[in-house]
N, C-alpha and C. Protein backbone atom coordinates (compact mmCIF):
# COMPACT_ATOMS: atom_id res chain seq x y z
N UNK A 1 -0.36 -11.17 31.32
CA UNK A 1 0.02 -11.53 30.12
C UNK A 1 0.00 -12.93 29.15
N UNK A 2 1.05 -13.53 29.93
CA UNK A 2 0.70 -15.21 29.97
C UNK A 2 0.06 -16.01 29.72
N UNK A 3 -1.17 -15.73 30.72
CA UNK A 3 -2.09 -16.38 31.40
C UNK A 3 -3.25 -15.97 29.54
N UNK A 4 -3.30 -14.93 29.61
CA UNK A 4 -3.59 -14.77 28.27
C UNK A 4 -3.75 -15.23 26.52
N UNK A 5 -2.49 -14.92 26.49
CA UNK A 5 -1.75 -15.82 25.24
C UNK A 5 -2.01 -17.70 24.89
N UNK A 6 -2.21 -17.99 26.63
CA UNK A 6 -1.98 -19.24 26.86
C UNK A 6 -3.25 -19.88 26.39
N UNK A 7 -4.42 -18.83 27.11
CA UNK A 7 -5.54 -18.82 26.58
C UNK A 7 -6.43 -18.79 25.33
N UNK A 8 -5.42 -17.89 24.87
CA UNK A 8 -5.64 -17.89 22.89
C UNK A 8 -4.89 -18.79 22.18
N UNK A 9 -4.18 -19.60 22.87
CA UNK A 9 -3.46 -20.98 22.13
C UNK A 9 -1.96 -20.19 21.53
N UNK A 10 -1.47 -19.05 22.29
CA UNK A 10 -0.59 -18.46 21.40
C UNK A 10 0.92 -18.61 22.12
N UNK A 11 2.12 -18.53 21.24
CA UNK A 11 3.33 -18.92 21.95
C UNK A 11 3.56 -17.42 23.17
N UNK A 12 4.71 -17.67 23.69
CA UNK A 12 5.24 -16.10 24.14
C UNK A 12 5.86 -15.17 23.62
N UNK A 13 6.28 -15.44 22.25
CA UNK A 13 6.13 -14.49 21.35
C UNK A 13 5.45 -13.32 20.82
N UNK A 14 4.51 -13.46 19.59
CA UNK A 14 3.79 -12.74 19.02
C UNK A 14 2.41 -13.43 18.55
N UNK A 15 1.08 -12.92 19.14
CA UNK A 15 -0.02 -13.80 18.83
C UNK A 15 -1.03 -12.91 17.61
N UNK A 16 -0.50 -13.88 16.06
CA UNK A 16 -0.98 -13.63 15.17
C UNK A 16 -2.14 -13.75 14.89
N UNK A 17 -3.58 -13.74 14.05
CA UNK A 17 -4.41 -14.63 14.14
C UNK A 17 -4.00 -15.40 12.34
N UNK A 18 -4.40 -16.37 12.19
CA UNK A 18 -3.46 -17.16 10.82
C UNK A 18 -4.75 -16.80 9.95
N UNK A 19 -4.57 -16.15 8.54
CA UNK A 19 -5.19 -16.13 7.27
C UNK A 19 -5.87 -17.46 6.93
N UNK A 20 -7.03 -17.78 6.14
CA UNK A 20 -7.46 -18.79 5.79
C UNK A 20 -7.02 -19.23 4.57
N UNK A 21 -6.49 -20.41 4.40
CA UNK A 21 -5.52 -20.91 3.02
C UNK A 21 -6.90 -21.26 1.75
N UNK A 22 -6.41 -21.20 0.89
CA UNK A 22 -7.14 -21.19 -0.22
C UNK A 22 -7.71 -23.10 0.39
N UNK A 23 -7.10 -23.95 0.67
CA UNK A 23 -7.50 -25.26 0.77
C UNK A 23 -8.63 -24.85 1.72
N UNK A 24 -8.65 -24.28 2.98
CA UNK A 24 -9.16 -24.06 4.54
C UNK A 24 -11.07 -23.97 3.98
N UNK A 25 -10.25 -22.71 2.84
CA UNK A 25 -11.57 -22.26 2.48
C UNK A 25 -12.78 -23.23 1.74
N UNK A 26 -11.85 -23.95 0.58
CA UNK A 26 -12.45 -24.86 -0.41
C UNK A 26 -13.09 -26.09 0.59
N UNK A 27 -12.36 -26.18 1.87
CA UNK A 27 -12.58 -27.03 2.43
C UNK A 27 -13.81 -26.71 3.33
N UNK A 28 -13.90 -25.80 3.64
CA UNK A 28 -14.83 -25.02 4.61
C UNK A 28 -16.44 -25.02 3.60
N UNK A 29 -16.21 -24.67 2.35
CA UNK A 29 -17.06 -24.94 1.46
C UNK A 29 -18.01 -25.77 1.24
N UNK A 30 -17.19 -27.02 0.80
CA UNK A 30 -18.01 -28.18 0.84
C UNK A 30 -18.21 -28.32 1.81
N UNK A 31 -18.01 -28.40 2.77
CA UNK A 31 -18.80 -28.82 4.11
C UNK A 31 -19.88 -28.39 4.44
N UNK A 32 -20.01 -26.93 3.67
CA UNK A 32 -21.51 -26.04 3.94
C UNK A 32 -22.17 -26.43 2.36
N UNK A 33 -22.00 -27.08 1.76
CA UNK A 33 -22.55 -27.62 0.82
C UNK A 33 -23.19 -28.77 0.78
N UNK A 34 -22.28 -29.82 1.62
CA UNK A 34 -22.51 -31.23 1.90
C UNK A 34 -23.37 -31.06 2.86
N UNK A 35 -23.52 -30.24 3.80
CA UNK A 35 -24.84 -30.23 5.25
C UNK A 35 -26.14 -29.85 4.40
N UNK A 36 -26.25 -28.71 3.03
CA UNK A 36 -27.59 -28.42 2.78
C UNK A 36 -27.81 -29.18 2.26
N UNK A 37 -27.09 -30.20 1.06
CA UNK A 37 -27.82 -31.23 0.73
C UNK A 37 -28.21 -32.04 1.04
N UNK A 38 -27.58 -32.70 2.85
CA UNK A 38 -28.10 -33.59 3.76
C UNK A 38 -29.66 -33.24 4.26
N UNK A 39 -29.17 -31.86 3.86
CA UNK A 39 -30.48 -31.21 4.62
C UNK A 39 -31.94 -30.93 3.99
N UNK A 40 -31.86 -31.41 2.28
CA UNK A 40 -33.20 -31.93 1.94
C UNK A 40 -32.82 -30.38 0.51
N UNK A 41 -31.61 -29.76 0.54
CA UNK A 41 -31.66 -28.58 -0.19
C UNK A 41 -31.25 -29.32 -1.46
N UNK A 42 -31.48 -28.83 -2.43
CA UNK A 42 -31.00 -29.23 -4.19
C UNK A 42 -30.88 -28.28 -4.80
N UNK A 43 -29.40 -28.51 -5.92
CA UNK A 43 -29.44 -27.54 -6.56
C UNK A 43 -29.60 -27.76 -8.11
N UNK A 44 -30.01 -26.31 -8.49
CA UNK A 44 -30.10 -26.06 -10.29
C UNK A 44 -29.05 -26.01 -10.94
N UNK A 45 -29.21 -26.57 -11.89
CA UNK A 45 -28.26 -27.05 -13.27
C UNK A 45 -28.99 -25.62 -13.89
N UNK A 46 -27.92 -24.40 -14.47
CA UNK A 46 -28.34 -23.52 -15.36
C UNK A 46 -27.22 -23.80 -16.02
N UNK A 47 -27.89 -23.60 -17.81
CA UNK A 47 -27.18 -23.17 -18.68
C UNK A 47 -25.75 -22.39 -19.14
N UNK A 48 -24.94 -22.82 -19.75
CA UNK A 48 -23.74 -22.31 -19.63
C UNK A 48 -23.57 -20.37 -20.18
N UNK A 49 -23.66 -19.49 -19.70
CA UNK A 49 -23.99 -18.22 -20.64
C UNK A 49 -24.79 -17.27 -20.28
N UNK A 50 -25.88 -17.88 -19.32
CA UNK A 50 -27.26 -17.42 -18.55
C UNK A 50 -26.45 -16.50 -17.77
N UNK A 51 -27.10 -15.11 -17.50
CA UNK A 51 -27.04 -14.48 -16.81
C UNK A 51 -27.91 -14.76 -15.47
N UNK A 52 -27.21 -14.12 -14.29
CA UNK A 52 -28.02 -14.51 -13.21
C UNK A 52 -29.00 -12.96 -12.67
N UNK A 53 -28.60 -11.86 -12.99
CA UNK A 53 -28.99 -10.90 -13.13
C UNK A 53 -30.84 -10.72 -13.83
N UNK A 54 -31.58 -9.89 -13.50
CA UNK A 54 -32.43 -9.94 -13.86
C UNK A 54 -33.00 -8.51 -14.76
N UNK A 55 -33.13 -8.58 -16.25
CA UNK A 55 -32.97 -7.73 -16.77
C UNK A 55 -34.30 -6.79 -16.81
N UNK A 56 -34.97 -6.85 -16.09
CA UNK A 56 -36.38 -6.27 -15.50
C UNK A 56 -36.11 -5.74 -14.64
N UNK A 57 -35.40 -6.07 -13.51
CA UNK A 57 -35.59 -5.52 -12.67
C UNK A 57 -33.52 -4.73 -12.16
N UNK A 58 -33.11 -4.16 -12.35
CA UNK A 58 -31.54 -3.54 -12.74
C UNK A 58 -31.52 -3.19 -11.00
N UNK A 59 -30.53 -3.53 -10.65
CA UNK A 59 -29.85 -2.88 -9.54
C UNK A 59 -29.96 -1.61 -9.31
N UNK A 60 -30.05 -1.05 -8.22
CA UNK A 60 -30.40 0.67 -8.20
C UNK A 60 -28.79 1.38 -8.26
N UNK A 61 -28.55 2.38 -8.90
CA UNK A 61 -27.12 2.75 -9.13
C UNK A 61 -26.27 2.04 -9.51
N UNK A 62 -26.21 1.16 -10.89
CA UNK A 62 -24.67 0.22 -11.28
C UNK A 62 -24.13 1.22 -11.73
N UNK A 63 -22.94 0.34 -11.72
CA UNK A 63 -21.28 0.94 -12.18
C UNK A 63 -21.81 1.10 -13.40
N UNK A 64 -23.00 0.59 -14.42
CA UNK A 64 -22.68 1.31 -15.55
C UNK A 64 -23.42 2.37 -15.83
N UNK A 65 -24.33 2.96 -15.03
CA UNK A 65 -25.11 4.11 -14.75
C UNK A 65 -23.91 5.66 -14.32
N UNK A 66 -23.25 5.15 -13.51
CA UNK A 66 -21.87 5.80 -12.64
C UNK A 66 -21.19 6.39 -14.13
N UNK A 67 -20.79 5.60 -15.06
CA UNK A 67 -19.67 5.61 -15.70
C UNK A 67 -20.34 5.84 -17.35
N UNK A 68 -21.84 5.50 -17.24
CA UNK A 68 -21.90 5.92 -18.49
C UNK A 68 -23.47 6.70 -18.73
N UNK A 69 -23.74 7.27 -17.44
CA UNK A 69 -24.97 8.21 -17.15
C UNK A 69 -24.56 9.62 -18.16
N UNK A 70 -25.47 10.32 -17.82
CA UNK A 70 -25.54 11.45 -18.77
C UNK A 70 -24.36 12.65 -18.68
N UNK A 71 -23.86 13.47 -19.54
CA UNK A 71 -22.64 14.03 -19.49
C UNK A 71 -23.07 14.93 -18.27
N UNK A 72 -21.91 15.72 -17.12
CA UNK A 72 -21.99 16.76 -16.06
C UNK A 72 -21.12 18.06 -16.68
N UNK A 73 -21.99 19.05 -16.80
CA UNK A 73 -20.87 20.15 -17.42
C UNK A 73 -19.46 20.44 -16.33
N UNK A 74 -18.60 20.48 -16.54
CA UNK A 74 -17.38 20.72 -16.13
C UNK A 74 -16.69 21.92 -15.53
N UNK A 75 -16.59 22.14 -14.33
CA UNK A 75 -16.23 23.80 -14.21
C UNK A 75 -15.11 24.27 -14.64
N UNK A 76 -14.82 25.24 -15.63
CA UNK A 76 -13.83 25.60 -16.38
C UNK A 76 -12.49 26.14 -15.48
N UNK A 77 -11.35 25.73 -15.50
CA UNK A 77 -10.19 25.90 -14.62
C UNK A 77 -8.64 26.13 -15.00
N UNK A 78 -9.42 27.27 -16.30
CA UNK A 78 -8.52 27.63 -17.59
C UNK A 78 -7.29 28.28 -16.33
N UNK A 79 -7.69 29.26 -15.86
CA UNK A 79 -7.28 30.30 -15.01
C UNK A 79 -6.27 29.83 -13.88
N UNK A 80 -6.87 28.62 -12.98
CA UNK A 80 -5.79 28.74 -12.34
C UNK A 80 -4.92 27.70 -12.82
N UNK A 81 -4.99 27.05 -14.16
CA UNK A 81 -3.79 26.43 -14.85
C UNK A 81 -2.82 27.24 -15.61
N UNK A 82 -3.52 28.41 -15.67
CA UNK A 82 -2.57 29.62 -16.02
C UNK A 82 -1.07 29.99 -15.14
N UNK A 83 -2.34 29.91 -13.67
CA UNK A 83 -1.93 30.78 -12.73
C UNK A 83 -0.38 29.82 -12.24
N UNK A 84 -0.64 28.45 -11.99
CA UNK A 84 0.03 27.54 -11.90
C UNK A 84 1.60 27.38 -12.74
N UNK A 85 1.06 27.69 -13.98
CA UNK A 85 2.50 27.47 -15.00
C UNK A 85 2.99 28.91 -14.91
N UNK A 86 2.67 29.95 -14.53
CA UNK A 86 3.01 31.25 -14.29
C UNK A 86 4.17 31.14 -13.22
N UNK A 87 3.75 30.68 -11.88
CA UNK A 87 5.02 30.37 -10.79
C UNK A 87 5.73 29.27 -11.14
N UNK A 88 5.44 28.26 -11.65
CA UNK A 88 6.59 26.93 -12.50
C UNK A 88 7.05 27.78 -12.91
N UNK A 89 7.34 28.92 -13.74
CA UNK A 89 7.77 28.94 -15.11
C UNK A 89 8.92 30.46 -13.94
N UNK A 90 8.93 30.69 -13.29
CA UNK A 90 9.56 31.88 -11.85
C UNK A 90 10.67 30.67 -10.76
N UNK A 91 9.98 29.50 -10.97
CA UNK A 91 10.66 28.43 -9.80
C UNK A 91 11.94 27.72 -10.48
N UNK A 92 11.79 28.10 -12.16
CA UNK A 92 12.78 27.15 -12.83
C UNK A 92 14.21 27.37 -12.81
N UNK A 93 14.10 28.58 -12.17
CA UNK A 93 15.90 29.51 -12.41
C UNK A 93 16.89 27.96 -11.32
N UNK A 94 18.05 28.18 -12.00
CA UNK A 94 18.97 27.33 -11.25
C UNK A 94 19.28 27.88 -9.92
N UNK A 95 19.58 27.60 -8.85
CA UNK A 95 19.46 28.11 -7.47
C UNK A 95 20.73 27.92 -7.06
N UNK A 96 21.92 28.96 -6.86
CA UNK A 96 23.24 28.93 -6.09
C UNK A 96 23.17 27.49 -5.56
N UNK A 97 24.27 26.74 -5.51
CA UNK A 97 25.09 25.75 -4.95
C UNK A 97 25.78 25.85 -3.27
N UNK A 98 24.54 25.86 -2.23
CA UNK A 98 25.25 25.92 -1.06
C UNK A 98 26.75 25.72 -0.72
N UNK A 99 28.14 26.58 -0.44
CA UNK A 99 29.36 26.37 -0.01
C UNK A 99 29.47 25.47 0.89
N UNK A 100 29.93 24.37 0.61
CA UNK A 100 30.37 22.77 0.94
C UNK A 100 31.29 23.15 2.15
N UNK A 101 30.91 22.80 3.55
CA UNK A 101 31.58 23.25 4.25
C UNK A 101 32.81 21.97 4.38
N UNK A 102 33.97 22.67 4.45
CA UNK A 102 35.57 21.38 4.60
C UNK A 102 35.30 21.18 5.76
N UNK A 103 35.22 19.99 6.20
CA UNK A 103 35.10 18.96 7.42
C UNK A 103 36.48 19.05 8.27
N UNK A 104 36.76 18.91 9.32
CA UNK A 104 38.01 18.68 9.82
C UNK A 104 38.70 17.21 9.50
N UNK A 105 39.95 17.19 9.58
CA UNK A 105 40.48 16.17 9.02
C UNK A 105 41.45 15.59 10.04
N UNK A 106 41.10 13.90 10.08
CA UNK A 106 42.19 13.38 11.14
C UNK A 106 43.72 13.36 10.48
N UNK A 107 44.94 14.05 11.65
CA UNK A 107 46.30 13.98 10.80
C UNK A 107 46.99 13.25 12.16
N UNK A 108 47.81 12.34 11.72
CA UNK A 108 48.79 11.90 12.62
C UNK A 108 50.47 12.11 12.91
N UNK A 109 50.51 12.60 13.94
CA UNK A 109 51.77 13.55 13.91
C UNK A 109 52.59 12.30 14.51
N UNK A 110 54.00 12.23 13.89
CA UNK A 110 54.84 11.44 13.68
C UNK A 110 55.97 12.11 14.48
N UNK A 111 56.90 11.31 15.00
CA UNK A 111 58.36 11.44 15.69
C UNK A 111 59.10 11.03 14.80
N UNK A 112 60.56 11.82 15.10
CA UNK A 112 62.05 11.64 13.70
C UNK A 112 61.86 9.91 13.50
N UNK A 113 61.49 9.22 14.46
CA UNK A 113 61.50 7.50 14.04
C UNK A 113 60.51 7.22 13.67
N UNK A 114 59.38 7.63 12.72
CA UNK A 114 58.16 7.48 12.19
C UNK A 114 57.14 6.91 12.99
N UNK A 115 57.04 6.98 14.42
CA UNK A 115 56.27 6.13 15.35
C UNK A 115 55.31 7.46 15.23
N UNK A 116 54.40 7.15 15.50
CA UNK A 116 52.86 7.87 15.79
C UNK A 116 53.01 8.49 17.13
N UNK A 117 52.82 9.74 17.30
CA UNK A 117 52.82 9.88 18.82
C UNK A 117 51.42 10.75 19.15
N UNK A 118 50.76 11.03 18.54
CA UNK A 118 49.35 11.66 18.64
C UNK A 118 48.64 12.01 17.12
N UNK A 119 47.40 12.16 17.49
CA UNK A 119 46.26 12.64 16.36
C UNK A 119 46.16 13.68 16.84
N UNK A 120 45.63 14.78 15.47
CA UNK A 120 45.58 15.64 15.73
C UNK A 120 44.23 16.00 14.46
N UNK A 121 42.94 17.33 14.52
CA UNK A 121 42.52 17.44 13.53
C UNK A 121 42.26 18.81 12.50
N UNK A 122 42.32 18.71 11.91
CA UNK A 122 43.02 20.08 10.81
C UNK A 122 41.83 20.14 10.00
N UNK A 123 41.58 21.75 10.19
CA UNK A 123 40.90 21.65 8.74
C UNK A 123 41.20 22.23 7.88
N UNK A 124 41.29 21.86 6.69
CA UNK A 124 42.29 22.60 5.24
C UNK A 124 41.09 23.52 4.59
């Protein structure tokens, strides 16, 4: 197990994968951009407010289609709700509280001079 931890570069305690920070992600992205530009790639400038989505070729099953699609018929469940409410009304009766059990208490027995002799458990 120790050899396995040493191979991963972990200490003898817990081996956890380090999550990348924002600075690490930014550094990695800047490295990929500079590599792309040095290999002959070019960046196109797009005006602000222009969408990257093609209005003539929309994606299939977009989120707006799911939520703004045609209205579907609903299954009436009024009778089920009425049954649940009637059961709830039956259960709302106050339940009697269970009798609390008295726990035994420790009592100290003293001698005539006030010195403790022994301890006994007494139920009250």
